């Protein structure tokens, strides 16, 4: 996990949020863990080589 963190605030439909949290609970994973993984995947897929080079190796 990253040494330092930053907060990301987003707006989401309340029903989708509830369903998302139910699914996360059923999988025994936090919503934050799922979102961090989604962001990592997105960055890996769409980041430029220069951007990817800035990501710490241990991540």
Protein backbone atom coordinates (compact mmCIF):
# COMPACT_ATOMS: atom_id res chain seq x y z
CA UNK A 1 0.00 0.00 0.00
CA UNK A 2 1.08 3.56 -0.58
CA UNK A 3 3.05 5.33 2.15
CA UNK A 4 0.98 8.50 1.85
CA UNK A 5 -2.63 8.84 0.93
CA UNK A 6 -4.89 11.50 -0.55
CA UNK A 7 -8.64 11.76 -0.19
CA UNK A 8 -10.90 11.41 -3.23
CA UNK A 9 -14.51 12.50 -2.84
CA UNK A 10 -17.12 11.50 -5.38
CA UNK A 11 -20.86 11.70 -5.79
CA UNK A 12 -22.82 8.54 -6.58
CA UNK A 13 -26.46 7.56 -6.76
CA UNK A 14 -27.50 6.31 -3.28
CA UNK A 15 -28.99 3.08 -4.62
CA UNK A 16 -25.82 2.21 -6.55
CA UNK A 17 -23.74 3.01 -3.46
CA UNK A 18 -25.84 0.69 -1.32
CA UNK A 19 -25.62 -2.14 -3.85
CA UNK A 20 -21.87 -1.60 -4.25
CA UNK A 21 -21.34 -1.76 -0.50
CA UNK A 22 -23.49 -4.91 -0.23
CA UNK A 23 -21.41 -6.60 -2.92
CA UNK A 24 -18.18 -5.53 -1.23
CA UNK A 25 -19.39 -6.88 2.11
CA UNK A 26 -20.40 -10.18 0.52
CA UNK A 27 -16.87 -10.46 -0.93
CA UNK A 28 -15.32 -9.45 2.44
CA UNK A 29 -13.50 -6.47 0.92
CA UNK A 30 -13.91 -2.78 1.63
CA UNK A 31 -15.27 -0.37 -0.93
CA UNK A 32 -12.02 1.61 -0.64
CA UNK A 33 -9.99 -1.47 -1.57
CA UNK A 34 -12.15 -2.05 -4.65
CA UNK A 35 -11.91 1.58 -5.76
CA UNK A 36 -8.13 1.67 -5.25
CA UNK A 37 -7.82 -1.49 -7.40
CA UNK A 38 -10.04 0.05 -10.10
CA UNK A 39 -7.85 3.16 -10.13
CA UNK A 40 -4.65 1.07 -10.33
CA UNK A 41 -6.09 -0.91 -13.26
CA UNK A 42 -7.23 2.27 -15.03
CA UNK A 43 -3.83 3.92 -14.61
CA UNK A 44 -2.04 0.81 -15.89
CA UNK A 45 -4.34 0.65 -18.92
CA UNK A 46 -4.35 4.31 -19.91
CA UNK A 47 -1.26 5.88 -18.33
CA UNK A 48 1.58 7.06 -20.50
CA UNK A 49 5.01 5.48 -20.03
CA UNK A 50 6.13 8.67 -18.30
CA UNK A 51 3.20 8.53 -15.87
CA UNK A 52 3.69 4.82 -15.18
CA UNK A 53 7.37 5.44 -14.43
CA UNK A 54 6.31 7.67 -11.50
CA UNK A 55 4.47 4.82 -9.77
CA UNK A 56 6.47 3.26 -6.92
CA UNK A 57 7.70 -0.27 -7.62
CA UNK A 58 6.22 -1.78 -4.40
CA UNK A 59 2.66 -0.92 -5.41
